[in-house]
Protein backbone atom coordinates (compact mmCIF):
# COMPACT_ATOMS: atom_id res chain seq x y z
CA MET A 1 -0.01 0.00 0.01
CA SER A 2 1.37 3.41 -0.97
CA ASP A 3 1.97 6.10 1.58
CA THR A 4 -0.69 8.83 0.99
CA GLY A 5 0.59 11.27 3.62
CA ASP A 6 -0.95 9.48 6.59
CA GLN A 7 -0.53 5.92 7.78
CA ARG A 8 -3.77 4.27 6.77
CA ALA A 9 -5.13 1.19 8.42
CA LYS A 10 -4.43 -2.07 6.54
CA ILE A 11 -7.34 -3.43 4.66
CA ALA A 12 -6.92 -7.24 5.28
CA ARG A 13 -10.53 -8.37 4.55
CA ILE A 14 -13.48 -6.89 2.77
CA CYS A 15 -17.04 -7.94 3.47
CA VAL A 16 -18.99 -8.14 0.28
CA PHE A 17 -22.82 -7.90 0.30
CA CYS A 18 -24.46 -9.23 -2.94
CA GLY A 19 -27.26 -11.26 -4.37
CA SER A 20 -27.64 -15.06 -3.89
CA GLY A 21 -28.96 -14.97 -7.49
CA PRO A 22 -27.10 -13.80 -10.66
CA GLY A 23 -29.58 -11.10 -11.66
CA ARG A 24 -30.67 -10.67 -15.23
CA ASN A 25 -27.82 -8.49 -16.46
CA PRO A 26 -24.63 -10.46 -17.32
CA ALA A 27 -22.62 -7.41 -16.18
CA TYR A 28 -23.40 -8.28 -12.54
CA VAL A 29 -21.74 -11.70 -12.71
CA ALA A 30 -18.81 -10.17 -14.60
CA ALA A 31 -18.43 -7.54 -11.89
CA ALA A 32 -18.52 -10.19 -9.11
CA ARG A 33 -15.78 -12.20 -10.79
CA THR A 34 -13.62 -9.09 -11.44
CA LEU A 35 -13.98 -8.00 -7.81
CA GLY A 36 -12.93 -11.39 -6.47
CA GLN A 37 -9.97 -11.50 -8.82
CA SER A 38 -8.82 -8.00 -7.83
CA MET A 39 -9.17 -8.79 -4.13
CA ALA A 40 -6.97 -11.90 -4.54
CA GLU A 41 -4.45 -10.02 -6.53
CA ALA A 42 -4.25 -7.33 -3.72
CA GLY A 43 -3.98 -9.98 -1.06
CA ILE A 44 -7.28 -8.97 0.52
CA GLY A 45 -9.48 -11.74 1.89
CA LEU A 46 -13.20 -12.06 1.44
CA VAL A 47 -15.84 -12.17 4.18
CA TYR A 48 -19.30 -12.89 2.81
CA GLY A 49 -22.56 -14.75 3.35
CA GLY A 50 -21.21 -18.30 2.79
CA GLY A 51 -23.31 -19.38 -0.16
CA SER A 52 -22.17 -20.90 -3.49
CA LEU A 53 -25.00 -19.41 -5.60
CA GLY A 54 -25.44 -16.23 -7.58
CA LEU A 55 -23.11 -13.26 -7.13
CA MET A 56 -22.12 -14.54 -3.69
CA GLY A 57 -20.77 -17.74 -5.24
CA GLU A 58 -19.11 -15.97 -8.14
CA THR A 59 -17.18 -13.52 -5.88
CA ALA A 60 -16.01 -16.24 -3.58
CA LYS A 61 -14.99 -18.63 -6.28
CA ALA A 62 -13.06 -15.87 -8.03
CA VAL A 63 -11.16 -15.05 -4.82
CA LEU A 64 -10.33 -18.75 -4.35
CA ALA A 65 -9.24 -19.12 -7.97
CA GLY A 66 -6.81 -16.27 -7.51
CA GLY A 67 -5.28 -17.86 -4.44
CA GLY A 68 -7.12 -15.61 -1.89
CA ARG A 69 -8.68 -16.41 1.45
CA VAL A 70 -12.51 -16.73 1.92
CA THR A 71 -14.48 -16.59 5.09
CA GLY A 72 -18.08 -17.64 4.79
CA ILE A 73 -20.54 -16.84 7.49
CA ILE A 74 -23.98 -18.42 7.17
CA PRO A 75 -26.90 -19.18 9.54
CA THR A 76 -28.01 -22.75 9.97
CA PHE A 77 -31.31 -22.29 8.09
CA LEU A 78 -29.53 -21.16 4.89
CA THR A 79 -26.88 -23.74 4.64
CA ASP A 80 -28.88 -25.96 2.26
CA ARG A 81 -30.97 -23.21 0.66
CA GLU A 82 -27.92 -21.18 -0.46
CA ARG A 83 -25.70 -24.24 -0.86
CA MET A 84 -22.91 -23.41 1.61
CA LEU A 85 -19.56 -23.06 -0.21
CA LYS A 86 -17.49 -25.82 1.35
CA ASP A 87 -14.32 -24.79 -0.49
CA ALA A 88 -13.92 -21.70 1.72
CA GLN A 89 -10.95 -21.89 4.02
CA GLU A 90 -13.06 -20.76 6.96
CA LEU A 91 -16.82 -21.55 7.30
CA ILE A 92 -18.78 -20.35 10.28
CA VAL A 93 -22.34 -21.49 10.80
CA THR A 94 -24.31 -19.27 13.12
CA LYS A 95 -27.55 -19.74 15.01
CA ASP A 96 -29.26 -16.74 13.44
CA MET A 97 -28.92 -13.66 11.21
CA HIS A 98 -28.02 -11.35 14.08
CA GLU A 99 -24.96 -13.44 15.05
CA ARG A 100 -24.01 -13.66 11.39
CA LYS A 101 -24.08 -9.94 10.84
CA MET A 102 -22.03 -9.13 13.97
CA LEU A 103 -19.32 -11.73 12.99
CA MET A 104 -19.24 -10.23 9.44
CA PHE A 105 -18.67 -6.80 11.01
CA GLU A 106 -16.03 -7.93 13.40
CA LYS A 107 -14.05 -9.91 10.84
CA SER A 108 -14.05 -7.12 8.18
CA ASP A 109 -12.13 -3.92 7.55
CA ALA A 110 -14.46 -2.56 4.89
CA PHE A 111 -17.76 -3.18 3.20
CA VAL A 112 -18.70 -3.43 -0.45
CA ALA A 113 -22.12 -3.77 -1.96
CA LEU A 114 -22.57 -5.41 -5.36
CA PRO A 115 -26.08 -5.70 -6.91
CA GLY A 116 -28.52 -7.70 -4.88
CA GLY A 117 -31.93 -7.89 -3.34
CA ILE A 118 -33.58 -7.07 0.05
CA GLY A 119 -30.95 -8.87 2.06
CA THR A 120 -28.11 -6.97 0.36
CA LEU A 121 -29.91 -3.65 0.89
CA GLU A 122 -30.56 -4.46 4.53
CA GLU A 123 -26.92 -5.35 5.20
CA LEU A 124 -25.71 -2.25 3.40
CA VAL A 125 -28.10 0.08 5.18
CA GLU A 126 -27.19 -1.33 8.54
CA GLN A 127 -23.52 -0.57 7.99
CA LEU A 128 -24.34 2.87 6.77
CA THR A 129 -26.48 3.47 9.87
CA TRP A 130 -23.71 2.33 12.22
CA SER A 131 -21.26 4.61 10.39
CA GLN A 132 -23.69 7.48 10.48
CA LEU A 133 -24.04 7.15 14.27
CA GLY A 134 -20.31 7.06 14.77
CA GLN A 135 -19.98 3.41 15.60
CA HIS A 136 -17.35 2.69 13.03
CA ARG A 137 -15.12 4.31 10.34
CA LYS A 138 -14.70 1.34 8.11
CA PRO A 139 -14.91 2.16 4.31
CA ILE A 140 -18.20 1.47 2.49
CA VAL A 141 -18.19 1.31 -1.24
CA LEU A 142 -21.18 0.78 -3.62
CA ALA A 143 -20.34 -0.98 -6.95
CA ASP A 144 -22.94 0.83 -9.19
CA VAL A 145 -22.75 -1.72 -12.02
CA ASP A 146 -24.74 -0.52 -14.97
CA GLY A 147 -26.46 2.01 -12.69
CA PHE A 148 -27.92 -0.66 -10.34
CA TRP A 149 -27.73 1.57 -7.25
CA GLN A 150 -29.13 4.72 -8.85
CA PRO A 151 -32.61 4.36 -7.35
CA PHE A 152 -31.01 4.02 -3.87
CA LEU A 153 -28.78 7.06 -4.43
CA THR A 154 -31.85 9.02 -5.57
CA LEU A 155 -33.59 7.98 -2.34
CA ILE A 156 -30.57 9.12 -0.23
CA GLN A 157 -30.52 12.48 -1.91
CA HIS A 158 -34.33 12.79 -1.35
CA MET A 159 -33.70 12.18 2.39
CA ARG A 160 -31.09 14.94 2.43
CA ASP A 161 -33.39 17.39 0.53
CA GLU A 162 -36.14 16.63 3.10
CA ALA A 163 -33.68 17.28 5.98
CA PHE A 164 -33.76 13.73 7.41
CA ILE A 165 -30.02 13.41 6.69
CA ARG A 166 -28.72 16.58 8.31
CA ALA A 167 -25.40 18.18 9.07
CA GLY A 168 -23.50 15.95 11.50
CA LEU A 169 -25.53 12.92 10.34
CA ASP A 170 -24.18 12.51 6.83
CA VAL A 171 -24.05 9.15 5.22
CA ARG A 172 -20.43 8.39 4.27
CA PHE A 173 -19.76 6.02 1.35
CA ARG A 174 -18.10 6.05 -2.09
CA VAL A 175 -19.73 4.99 -5.38
CA VAL A 176 -17.68 3.43 -8.25
CA GLU A 177 -19.00 2.27 -11.56
CA ARG A 178 -16.43 -0.40 -12.37
CA ALA A 179 -15.63 -3.41 -10.28
CA GLU A 180 -11.88 -2.94 -10.85
CA ASP A 181 -12.12 0.42 -9.06
CA VAL A 182 -13.58 -1.08 -5.84
CA VAL A 183 -10.31 -2.12 -4.12
CA PRO A 184 -8.51 1.19 -4.84
CA ALA A 185 -11.57 3.08 -3.50
CA VAL A 186 -11.60 0.97 -0.32
CA ILE A 187 -7.89 1.50 0.28
CA ALA A 188 -8.20 5.26 -0.30
CA MET A 189 -11.08 5.43 2.28
CA ALA A 190 -9.30 3.50 5.01
CA PRO A 191 -9.14 5.59 8.21
CA PRO A 192 -5.81 6.45 9.90
CA ALA A 193 -4.29 3.44 11.63
CA ASP A 194 -4.63 5.11 15.05
CA ALA A 195 -8.38 5.42 14.56
CA VAL A 196 -9.02 1.70 14.10
CA GLY A 197 -9.62 1.09 17.84
CA SER A 198 -12.75 3.15 17.55
CA ASP A 199 -14.35 0.59 15.21
CA LYS A 200 -16.46 -1.05 17.85
CA ILE A 201 -20.15 -1.68 17.86
CA THR A 202 -21.45 -0.99 21.34
CA ASP A 203 -25.11 -1.82 20.64
CA ARG A 204 -27.27 -3.38 18.00
CA PHE A 205 -29.41 -0.67 16.48
């Protein structure tokens, strides 16, 4: 990692939120594969939902194919439905979704959202909320593949316009259009190394 004037925290693992289906646009699968490859090349491990299907599976398999490390975290009730990826070096089966999400947070240095459904949106918004409330400073990046996240970005702007996102309560994240730009964006957003100790969730909102 290059020196950018301050000593940034090392990004060792990125948590990727994405769909358990492939979506209808082939660009989504291509982006998942590209992201996985670039993470492996950068020596950054993957933390994700543990399934082998859809964009989740494509991202994890690309990391593994590139020689990278994968941590899958999946609740018991989804192990069969999402076909748990048994090739991952670390597989953690949790009792429920709450435990899963806390472990994903604790094991990750940053968060990336690829296209996905309600579950992806819920996981993304939770991390944005925790960041907004000062509970962590970990980078959050949206991969806006073929404009997938534009409706969400429009909603965020609407919330600002209506004064529900106010000064001091800004929502901090970065948007990139290409999967190959995700890792550089995450690294650029990394907080100073001496601020990492503040990345603690003290309550479940």
